[in-house]
Amino acid sequence: MSELRDKRGLTEAEAIARYQAKNYPTPALTADIAVFARRGARRELLLIKRGGHPFLGCWALPGGFADAGETIERTAARELEEETGLRDLPLSLVGVYSAPGRDPRGWTVSAAYAVCVEAGQLEAAAGDDAAEARWFEIETTADGAAPVLPRGEKLAFDHAQIVADAAAALGI
């Protein structure tokens, strides 16, 4: 049986040999993690205060960049542990976020994960590039769920959308 050839007459090996990655722009790959906690009828969300630019001093979901050769699931688990000390949580994929301009540093695609645990089950502590880690009460409005932040403060990046989507996915 002869090798399969594409419409250009190339075998798979020939096509791969001609492929040039530089012809295709590459986004940065990140993971963001929404950790919710149940406290009776109340719901809380774990946020970190960013210790670096961009959005220095703003609240954000724990997360960060994938390392070369690392799966995105491993990135989410590693970043959550590095920034909050939390580990071994059953993270569920919420969605992929890729809107142009979502990160001022450039084209960044993020896989967002979420989990909901019982309050008091986890003790978070800021680490790595997080200046602080804190639980915030969640309020539900017509626009969806959102953390109750100090007056005038907003979530960094597109994390408000991720939080709303994660809360909806978990039925919060």
N, C-alpha and C. Protein backbone atom coordinates (compact mmCIF):
# COMPACT_ATOMS: atom_id res chain seq x y z
N MET A 1 0.85 -1.19 0.00
CA MET A 1 0.00 0.00 0.00
C MET A 1 0.89 1.24 0.00
N SER A 2 0.57 2.18 -0.85
CA SER A 2 1.39 3.39 -0.95
C SER A 2 1.00 4.38 0.14
N GLU A 3 1.95 5.28 0.43
CA GLU A 3 1.68 6.31 1.46
C GLU A 3 0.62 7.27 0.98
N LEU A 4 -0.17 7.76 1.90
CA LEU A 4 -1.18 8.76 1.57
C LEU A 4 -0.51 10.08 1.24
N ARG A 5 -1.06 10.76 0.25
CA ARG A 5 -0.51 12.07 -0.16
C ARG A 5 -1.65 13.09 -0.12
N ASP A 6 -1.27 14.29 0.27
CA ASP A 6 -2.27 15.36 0.33
C ASP A 6 -2.48 15.97 -1.06
N LYS A 7 -3.29 17.02 -1.13
CA LYS A 7 -3.60 17.62 -2.43
C LYS A 7 -2.39 18.27 -3.10
N ARG A 8 -1.33 18.49 -2.33
CA ARG A 8 -0.09 19.01 -2.91
C ARG A 8 0.84 17.88 -3.34
N GLY A 9 0.41 16.64 -3.11
CA GLY A 9 1.21 15.49 -3.48
C GLY A 9 2.25 15.10 -2.45
N LEU A 10 2.14 15.63 -1.22
CA LEU A 10 3.13 15.39 -0.18
C LEU A 10 2.70 14.25 0.75
N THR A 11 3.68 13.48 1.18
CA THR A 11 3.44 12.50 2.23
C THR A 11 3.42 13.26 3.55
N GLU A 12 3.00 12.58 4.61
CA GLU A 12 3.00 13.23 5.93
C GLU A 12 4.40 13.68 6.32
N ALA A 13 5.39 12.83 6.14
CA ALA A 13 6.77 13.18 6.49
C ALA A 13 7.24 14.40 5.71
N GLU A 14 6.90 14.48 4.43
CA GLU A 14 7.30 15.62 3.61
C GLU A 14 6.60 16.90 4.06
N ALA A 15 5.32 16.79 4.37
CA ALA A 15 4.55 17.95 4.83
C ALA A 15 5.11 18.48 6.16
N ILE A 16 5.42 17.58 7.09
CA ILE A 16 5.98 18.00 8.38
C ILE A 16 7.35 18.63 8.19
N ALA A 17 8.16 18.09 7.30
CA ALA A 17 9.49 18.65 7.03
C ALA A 17 9.39 20.07 6.47
N ARG A 18 8.35 20.37 5.74
CA ARG A 18 8.17 21.71 5.15
C ARG A 18 7.49 22.70 6.11
N TYR A 19 6.88 22.19 7.14
CA TYR A 19 6.16 23.04 8.09
C TYR A 19 7.13 24.01 8.76
N GLN A 20 6.73 25.28 8.86
CA GLN A 20 7.56 26.29 9.52
C GLN A 20 6.72 27.00 10.58
N ALA A 21 7.01 26.69 11.84
CA ALA A 21 6.24 27.25 12.95
C ALA A 21 6.25 28.77 12.93
N LYS A 22 7.32 29.39 12.44
CA LYS A 22 7.41 30.86 12.43
C LYS A 22 6.30 31.49 11.60
N ASN A 23 5.66 30.72 10.72
CA ASN A 23 4.57 31.25 9.91
C ASN A 23 3.26 31.35 10.67
N TYR A 24 3.24 30.82 11.89
CA TYR A 24 2.02 30.83 12.68
C TYR A 24 2.30 31.48 14.03
N PRO A 25 1.64 32.59 14.33
CA PRO A 25 1.88 33.25 15.62
C PRO A 25 1.49 32.34 16.78
N THR A 26 2.23 32.43 17.85
CA THR A 26 2.01 31.57 19.00
C THR A 26 1.56 32.40 20.20
N PRO A 27 0.41 32.07 20.77
CA PRO A 27 -0.01 32.79 21.98
C PRO A 27 0.71 32.27 23.21
N ALA A 28 0.74 33.07 24.25
CA ALA A 28 1.17 32.59 25.56
C ALA A 28 0.01 31.78 26.13
N LEU A 29 0.32 30.70 26.81
CA LEU A 29 -0.72 29.83 27.37
C LEU A 29 -0.70 29.95 28.89
N THR A 30 -1.88 30.21 29.46
CA THR A 30 -2.00 30.37 30.91
C THR A 30 -3.17 29.55 31.44
N ALA A 31 -3.20 29.43 32.76
CA ALA A 31 -4.33 28.81 33.45
C ALA A 31 -4.79 29.76 34.55
N ASP A 32 -6.09 29.87 34.75
CA ASP A 32 -6.68 30.65 35.83
C ASP A 32 -7.59 29.71 36.61
N ILE A 33 -7.62 29.88 37.95
CA ILE A 33 -8.35 28.94 38.79
C ILE A 33 -9.29 29.67 39.73
N ALA A 34 -10.58 29.32 39.67
CA ALA A 34 -11.59 29.88 40.57
C ALA A 34 -11.87 28.83 41.66
N VAL A 35 -11.49 29.16 42.90
CA VAL A 35 -11.75 28.26 44.03
C VAL A 35 -12.85 28.88 44.87
N PHE A 36 -14.00 28.22 44.89
CA PHE A 36 -15.15 28.67 45.67
C PHE A 36 -15.24 27.84 46.94
N ALA A 37 -15.83 28.44 47.98
CA ALA A 37 -16.06 27.71 49.23
C ALA A 37 -17.50 27.95 49.67
N ARG A 38 -18.11 26.90 50.21
CA ARG A 38 -19.47 26.98 50.76
C ARG A 38 -19.36 27.20 52.26
N ARG A 39 -20.08 28.18 52.77
CA ARG A 39 -20.17 28.45 54.21
C ARG A 39 -21.65 28.63 54.52
N GLY A 40 -22.33 27.49 54.74
CA GLY A 40 -23.78 27.54 54.91
C GLY A 40 -24.40 27.99 53.60
N ALA A 41 -25.23 29.04 53.64
CA ALA A 41 -25.85 29.57 52.43
C ALA A 41 -24.92 30.52 51.68
N ARG A 42 -23.86 30.95 52.34
CA ARG A 42 -22.91 31.87 51.71
C ARG A 42 -21.93 31.13 50.82
N ARG A 43 -21.43 31.86 49.81
CA ARG A 43 -20.37 31.34 48.94
C ARG A 43 -19.23 32.36 48.95
N GLU A 44 -18.02 31.83 48.92
CA GLU A 44 -16.83 32.69 48.92
C GLU A 44 -15.94 32.30 47.75
N LEU A 45 -15.06 33.22 47.36
CA LEU A 45 -14.12 33.00 46.27
C LEU A 45 -12.74 33.40 46.73
N LEU A 46 -11.76 32.56 46.43
CA LEU A 46 -10.37 32.86 46.78
C LEU A 46 -9.74 33.70 45.68
N LEU A 47 -9.19 34.83 46.08
CA LEU A 47 -8.49 35.72 45.15
C LEU A 47 -7.10 36.01 45.68
N ILE A 48 -6.21 36.37 44.77
CA ILE A 48 -4.88 36.81 45.16
C ILE A 48 -4.72 38.28 44.77
N LYS A 49 -3.93 38.99 45.54
CA LYS A 49 -3.58 40.36 45.18
C LYS A 49 -2.28 40.27 44.39
N ARG A 50 -2.30 40.83 43.19
CA ARG A 50 -1.15 40.73 42.31
C ARG A 50 0.05 41.50 42.87
N GLY A 51 1.18 40.80 42.90
CA GLY A 51 2.41 41.40 43.40
C GLY A 51 3.30 41.94 42.30
N GLY A 52 2.87 41.81 41.04
CA GLY A 52 3.66 42.31 39.91
C GLY A 52 2.76 42.90 38.85
N HIS A 53 3.40 43.53 37.88
CA HIS A 53 2.68 44.11 36.74
C HIS A 53 2.33 43.01 35.75
N PRO A 54 1.29 43.14 34.94
CA PRO A 54 0.31 44.24 34.97
C PRO A 54 -0.70 44.05 36.10
N PHE A 55 -1.45 45.08 36.36
CA PHE A 55 -2.49 45.08 37.39
C PHE A 55 -1.90 44.91 38.79
N LEU A 56 -0.73 45.47 39.02
CA LEU A 56 -0.09 45.43 40.34
C LEU A 56 -1.07 45.92 41.40
N GLY A 57 -1.24 45.13 42.48
CA GLY A 57 -2.12 45.52 43.58
C GLY A 57 -3.58 45.21 43.36
N CYS A 58 -3.94 44.69 42.20
CA CYS A 58 -5.34 44.35 41.92
C CYS A 58 -5.62 42.90 42.34
N TRP A 59 -6.88 42.61 42.58
CA TRP A 59 -7.30 41.26 42.90
C TRP A 59 -7.47 40.47 41.61
N ALA A 60 -7.13 39.20 41.67
CA ALA A 60 -7.20 38.33 40.49
C ALA A 60 -7.38 36.89 40.93
N LEU A 61 -7.75 36.06 40.00
CA LEU A 61 -7.77 34.62 40.24
C LEU A 61 -6.32 34.13 40.30
N PRO A 62 -6.04 33.11 41.10
CA PRO A 62 -4.72 32.51 41.03
C PRO A 62 -4.51 31.94 39.63
N GLY A 63 -3.28 31.98 39.16
CA GLY A 63 -3.00 31.42 37.85
C GLY A 63 -1.68 31.93 37.31
N GLY A 64 -1.34 31.48 36.13
CA GLY A 64 -0.11 31.91 35.51
C GLY A 64 0.22 31.13 34.26
N PHE A 65 1.44 31.33 33.78
CA PHE A 65 1.90 30.80 32.50
C PHE A 65 2.30 29.33 32.58
N ALA A 66 2.00 28.62 31.49
CA ALA A 66 2.43 27.23 31.35
C ALA A 66 3.93 27.20 31.09
N ASP A 67 4.59 26.21 31.67
CA ASP A 67 6.00 25.96 31.38
C ASP A 67 6.08 25.12 30.11
N ALA A 68 7.21 25.22 29.40
CA ALA A 68 7.41 24.42 28.19
C ALA A 68 7.26 22.93 28.51
N GLY A 69 6.48 22.24 27.70
CA GLY A 69 6.30 20.82 27.87
C GLY A 69 5.32 20.41 28.96
N GLU A 70 4.67 21.37 29.59
CA GLU A 70 3.75 21.11 30.70
C GLU A 70 2.32 21.08 30.19
N THR A 71 1.51 20.14 30.66
CA THR A 71 0.10 20.14 30.30
C THR A 71 -0.58 21.32 30.99
N ILE A 72 -1.67 21.78 30.43
CA ILE A 72 -2.38 22.91 31.02
C ILE A 72 -3.01 22.52 32.36
N GLU A 73 -3.38 21.24 32.51
CA GLU A 73 -3.92 20.77 33.79
C GLU A 73 -2.85 20.87 34.87
N ARG A 74 -1.62 20.50 34.53
CA ARG A 74 -0.51 20.58 35.48
C ARG A 74 -0.20 22.04 35.79
N THR A 75 -0.29 22.91 34.77
CA THR A 75 -0.07 24.34 34.99
C THR A 75 -1.05 24.87 36.03
N ALA A 76 -2.33 24.51 35.89
CA ALA A 76 -3.35 24.99 36.83
C ALA A 76 -3.04 24.52 38.25
N ALA A 77 -2.72 23.26 38.41
CA ALA A 77 -2.41 22.72 39.74
C ALA A 77 -1.16 23.37 40.32
N ARG A 78 -0.13 23.53 39.50
CA ARG A 78 1.13 24.13 39.97
C ARG A 78 0.94 25.58 40.38
N GLU A 79 0.28 26.36 39.52
CA GLU A 79 0.08 27.79 39.81
C GLU A 79 -0.79 27.98 41.06
N LEU A 80 -1.82 27.16 41.21
CA LEU A 80 -2.66 27.26 42.41
C LEU A 80 -1.83 27.00 43.65
N GLU A 81 -1.00 25.98 43.62
CA GLU A 81 -0.16 25.67 44.77
C GLU A 81 0.88 26.76 45.02
N GLU A 82 1.53 27.24 43.97
CA GLU A 82 2.56 28.28 44.13
C GLU A 82 1.98 29.57 44.71
N GLU A 83 0.80 29.97 44.28
CA GLU A 83 0.24 31.26 44.68
C GLU A 83 -0.61 31.21 45.94
N THR A 84 -1.13 30.03 46.30
CA THR A 84 -2.03 29.95 47.46
C THR A 84 -1.68 28.85 48.45
N GLY A 85 -0.81 27.94 48.07
CA GLY A 85 -0.48 26.81 48.93
C GLY A 85 -1.47 25.66 48.84
N LEU A 86 -2.55 25.83 48.06
CA LEU A 86 -3.57 24.78 47.93
C LEU A 86 -3.14 23.75 46.90
N ARG A 87 -3.39 22.47 47.23
CA ARG A 87 -2.97 21.41 46.32
C ARG A 87 -3.95 20.26 46.32
N ASP A 88 -3.85 19.45 45.30
CA ASP A 88 -4.64 18.22 45.17
C ASP A 88 -6.15 18.47 45.14
N LEU A 89 -6.58 19.56 44.52
CA LEU A 89 -8.01 19.84 44.40
C LEU A 89 -8.51 19.30 43.06
N PRO A 90 -9.75 18.81 43.02
CA PRO A 90 -10.32 18.26 41.77
C PRO A 90 -10.81 19.38 40.85
N LEU A 91 -9.91 19.96 40.10
CA LEU A 91 -10.24 21.09 39.23
C LEU A 91 -11.00 20.63 37.99
N SER A 92 -12.03 21.40 37.63
CA SER A 92 -12.83 21.12 36.43
C SER A 92 -12.66 22.27 35.44
N LEU A 93 -12.52 21.92 34.17
CA LEU A 93 -12.38 22.94 33.14
C LEU A 93 -13.68 23.73 32.99
N VAL A 94 -13.56 25.05 33.01
CA VAL A 94 -14.70 25.95 32.82
C VAL A 94 -14.78 26.39 31.37
N GLY A 95 -13.64 26.76 30.80
CA GLY A 95 -13.62 27.24 29.42
C GLY A 95 -12.27 27.78 29.04
N VAL A 96 -12.19 28.21 27.80
CA VAL A 96 -10.96 28.79 27.26
C VAL A 96 -11.25 30.24 26.93
N TYR A 97 -10.36 31.13 27.33
CA TYR A 97 -10.54 32.58 27.17
C TYR A 97 -9.41 33.12 26.30
N SER A 98 -9.81 33.74 25.18
CA SER A 98 -8.82 34.14 24.19
C SER A 98 -9.11 35.48 23.54
N ALA A 99 -9.95 36.30 24.14
CA ALA A 99 -10.31 37.58 23.53
C ALA A 99 -9.06 38.44 23.33
N PRO A 100 -8.92 39.03 22.15
CA PRO A 100 -7.79 39.93 21.93
C PRO A 100 -7.77 41.03 22.99
N GLY A 101 -6.60 41.32 23.52
CA GLY A 101 -6.47 42.38 24.52
C GLY A 101 -6.78 41.96 25.94
N ARG A 102 -7.06 40.69 26.18
CA ARG A 102 -7.39 40.26 27.55
C ARG A 102 -6.21 40.40 28.49
N ASP A 103 -5.01 40.44 27.93
CA ASP A 103 -3.79 40.64 28.71
C ASP A 103 -2.97 41.72 28.01
N PRO A 104 -2.62 42.80 28.69
CA PRO A 104 -1.89 43.88 28.03
C PRO A 104 -0.47 43.50 27.60
N ARG A 105 0.03 42.35 28.03
CA ARG A 105 1.38 41.93 27.65
C ARG A 105 1.41 41.30 26.27
N GLY A 106 0.24 40.96 25.73
CA GLY A 106 0.21 40.35 24.41
C GLY A 106 -0.83 39.25 24.31
N TRP A 107 -0.80 38.53 23.20
CA TRP A 107 -1.78 37.49 22.91
C TRP A 107 -1.63 36.36 23.92
N THR A 108 -2.66 36.20 24.76
CA THR A 108 -2.64 35.21 25.82
C THR A 108 -3.95 34.44 25.81
N VAL A 109 -3.83 33.13 25.81
CA VAL A 109 -4.98 32.23 25.87
C VAL A 109 -4.95 31.52 27.21
N SER A 110 -6.08 31.54 27.91
CA SER A 110 -6.14 30.92 29.23
C SER A 110 -7.20 29.83 29.29
N ALA A 111 -6.82 28.73 29.90
CA ALA A 111 -7.78 27.68 30.25
C ALA A 111 -8.18 27.94 31.70
N ALA A 112 -9.47 28.12 31.94
CA ALA A 112 -9.95 28.42 33.29
C ALA A 112 -10.53 27.17 33.93
N TYR A 113 -10.20 27.00 35.21
CA TYR A 113 -10.65 25.84 35.99
C TYR A 113 -11.38 26.33 37.23
N ALA A 114 -12.21 25.46 37.80
CA ALA A 114 -12.95 25.82 39.01
C ALA A 114 -13.13 24.60 39.90
N VAL A 115 -13.36 24.88 41.18
CA VAL A 115 -13.65 23.85 42.16
C VAL A 115 -14.43 24.53 43.29
N CYS A 116 -15.29 23.78 43.96
CA CYS A 116 -16.01 24.29 45.12
C CYS A 116 -15.77 23.33 46.28
N VAL A 117 -15.38 23.88 47.43
CA VAL A 117 -15.06 23.08 48.62
C VAL A 117 -15.87 23.63 49.80
N GLU A 118 -15.82 22.92 50.91
CA GLU A 118 -16.45 23.40 52.13
C GLU A 118 -15.54 24.45 52.79
N ALA A 119 -16.12 25.55 53.24
CA ALA A 119 -15.35 26.59 53.91
C ALA A 119 -14.66 26.00 55.13
N GLY A 120 -13.47 26.48 55.40
CA GLY A 120 -12.72 26.00 56.54
C GLY A 120 -11.91 24.75 56.24
N GLN A 121 -12.18 24.11 55.10
CA GLN A 121 -11.46 22.92 54.70
C GLN A 121 -10.05 23.27 54.22
N LEU A 122 -9.88 24.48 53.70
CA LEU A 122 -8.61 24.89 53.12
C LEU A 122 -8.11 26.18 53.75
N GLU A 123 -6.82 26.23 53.98
CA GLU A 123 -6.19 27.46 54.46
C GLU A 123 -5.22 27.93 53.39
N ALA A 124 -5.52 29.07 52.81
CA ALA A 124 -4.69 29.61 51.73
C ALA A 124 -3.69 30.61 52.29
N ALA A 125 -2.52 30.63 51.70
CA ALA A 125 -1.46 31.58 52.06
C ALA A 125 -0.79 32.06 50.79
N ALA A 126 -0.59 33.35 50.66
CA ALA A 126 0.02 33.92 49.46
C ALA A 126 1.45 33.42 49.30
N GLY A 127 1.80 33.14 48.06
CA GLY A 127 3.15 32.72 47.73
C GLY A 127 3.50 33.15 46.33
N ASP A 128 4.73 32.88 45.91
CA ASP A 128 5.24 33.20 44.58
C ASP A 128 5.02 34.69 44.30
N ASP A 129 4.29 35.03 43.23
CA ASP A 129 4.11 36.44 42.88
C ASP A 129 2.79 37.01 43.40
N ALA A 130 2.14 36.32 44.32
CA ALA A 130 0.91 36.83 44.96
C ALA A 130 1.30 37.57 46.24
N ALA A 131 0.86 38.81 46.37
CA ALA A 131 1.16 39.60 47.57
C ALA A 131 0.25 39.23 48.73
N GLU A 132 -0.94 38.70 48.42
CA GLU A 132 -1.92 38.35 49.45
C GLU A 132 -2.89 37.34 48.86
N ALA A 133 -3.44 36.50 49.70
CA ALA A 133 -4.51 35.58 49.30
C ALA A 133 -5.64 35.74 50.31
N ARG A 134 -6.86 35.95 49.79
CA ARG A 134 -7.99 36.21 50.69
C ARG A 134 -9.29 35.67 50.10
N TRP A 135 -10.19 35.23 50.99
CA TRP A 135 -11.52 34.78 50.59
C TRP A 135 -12.46 35.98 50.57
N PHE A 136 -13.28 36.09 49.51
CA PHE A 136 -14.25 37.16 49.36
C PHE A 136 -15.65 36.55 49.21
N GLU A 137 -16.62 37.18 49.85
CA GLU A 137 -18.01 36.74 49.71
C GLU A 137 -18.44 36.95 48.26
N ILE A 138 -19.30 36.04 47.79
CA ILE A 138 -19.86 36.12 46.43
C ILE A 138 -21.29 36.64 46.53
N GLU A 139 -21.61 37.57 45.64
CA GLU A 139 -23.00 38.01 45.53
C GLU A 139 -23.51 37.62 44.15
N THR A 140 -24.78 37.29 44.11
CA THR A 140 -25.39 36.91 42.84
C THR A 140 -26.33 38.02 42.41
N THR A 141 -26.13 38.49 41.19
CA THR A 141 -26.97 39.55 40.62
C THR A 141 -27.57 39.04 39.31
N ALA A 142 -28.29 39.89 38.64
CA ALA A 142 -28.87 39.53 37.35
C ALA A 142 -27.77 39.21 36.33
N ASP A 143 -26.59 39.81 36.53
CA ASP A 143 -25.47 39.57 35.61
C ASP A 143 -24.67 38.33 35.96
N GLY A 144 -25.01 37.66 37.05
CA GLY A 144 -24.28 36.47 37.48
C GLY A 144 -23.60 36.69 38.81
N ALA A 145 -22.70 35.79 39.17
CA ALA A 145 -22.00 35.85 40.45
C ALA A 145 -20.74 36.70 40.33
N ALA A 146 -20.44 37.43 41.41
CA ALA A 146 -19.24 38.26 41.45
C ALA A 146 -18.77 38.40 42.89
N PRO A 147 -17.46 38.51 43.09
CA PRO A 147 -16.96 38.71 44.46
C PRO A 147 -17.26 40.12 44.94
N VAL A 148 -17.48 40.26 46.24
CA VAL A 148 -17.70 41.58 46.84
C VAL A 148 -16.32 42.13 47.19
N LEU A 149 -15.83 43.04 46.35
CA LEU A 149 -14.49 43.63 46.53
C LEU A 149 -14.59 44.95 47.26
N PRO A 150 -13.47 45.41 47.84
CA PRO A 150 -13.48 46.74 48.46
C PRO A 150 -13.94 47.80 47.44
N ARG A 151 -14.58 48.83 47.95
CA ARG A 151 -15.15 49.89 47.12
C ARG A 151 -14.16 50.40 46.07
N GLY A 152 -14.62 50.44 44.82
CA GLY A 152 -13.83 50.98 43.73
C GLY A 152 -12.84 50.00 43.11
N GLU A 153 -12.73 48.81 43.65
CA GLU A 153 -11.77 47.85 43.10
C GLU A 153 -12.48 46.88 42.15
N LYS A 154 -11.74 46.46 41.13
CA LYS A 154 -12.26 45.51 40.15
C LYS A 154 -11.25 44.38 39.98
N LEU A 155 -11.73 43.29 39.41
CA LEU A 155 -10.83 42.18 39.13
C LEU A 155 -9.94 42.49 37.93
N ALA A 156 -8.73 41.96 37.96
CA ALA A 156 -7.77 42.14 36.87
C ALA A 156 -8.20 41.32 35.65
N PHE A 157 -7.60 41.66 34.52
CA PHE A 157 -7.80 40.94 33.27
C PHE A 157 -9.30 40.78 32.96
N ASP A 158 -9.70 39.61 32.49
CA ASP A 158 -11.11 39.31 32.23
C ASP A 158 -11.65 38.35 33.30
N HIS A 159 -11.09 38.45 34.50
CA HIS A 159 -11.43 37.50 35.55
C HIS A 159 -12.87 37.61 36.04
N ALA A 160 -13.50 38.77 35.89
CA ALA A 160 -14.91 38.89 36.27
C ALA A 160 -15.76 37.94 35.41
N GLN A 161 -15.46 37.86 34.14
CA GLN A 161 -16.19 36.96 33.25
C GLN A 161 -15.91 35.50 33.61
N ILE A 162 -14.66 35.19 33.91
CA ILE A 162 -14.31 33.82 34.28
C ILE A 162 -15.04 33.43 35.56
N VAL A 163 -15.07 34.34 36.55
CA VAL A 163 -15.76 34.06 37.81
C VAL A 163 -17.24 33.78 37.55
N ALA A 164 -17.88 34.63 36.76
CA ALA A 164 -19.30 34.45 36.46
C ALA A 164 -19.54 33.11 35.76
N ASP A 165 -18.69 32.78 34.80
CA ASP A 165 -18.84 31.51 34.08
C ASP A 165 -18.59 30.31 34.99
N ALA A 166 -17.57 30.43 35.85
CA ALA A 166 -17.24 29.33 36.77
C ALA A 166 -18.37 29.11 37.77
N ALA A 167 -18.91 30.19 38.30
CA ALA A 167 -20.02 30.09 39.25
C ALA A 167 -21.23 29.43 38.59
N ALA A 168 -21.52 29.82 37.37
CA ALA A 168 -22.65 29.23 36.65
C ALA A 168 -22.39 27.73 36.39
N ALA A 169 -21.17 27.39 36.01
CA ALA A 169 -20.84 25.99 35.74
C ALA A 169 -20.98 25.12 37.00
N LEU A 170 -20.66 25.71 38.16
CA LEU A 170 -20.75 24.96 39.42
C LEU A 170 -22.12 25.09 40.10
N GLY A 171 -23.01 25.89 39.50
CA GLY A 171 -24.34 26.08 40.08
C GLY A 171 -24.33 26.96 41.33
N ILE A 172 -23.43 27.91 41.37
CA ILE A 172 -23.31 28.80 42.53
C ILE A 172 -24.16 30.05 42.33
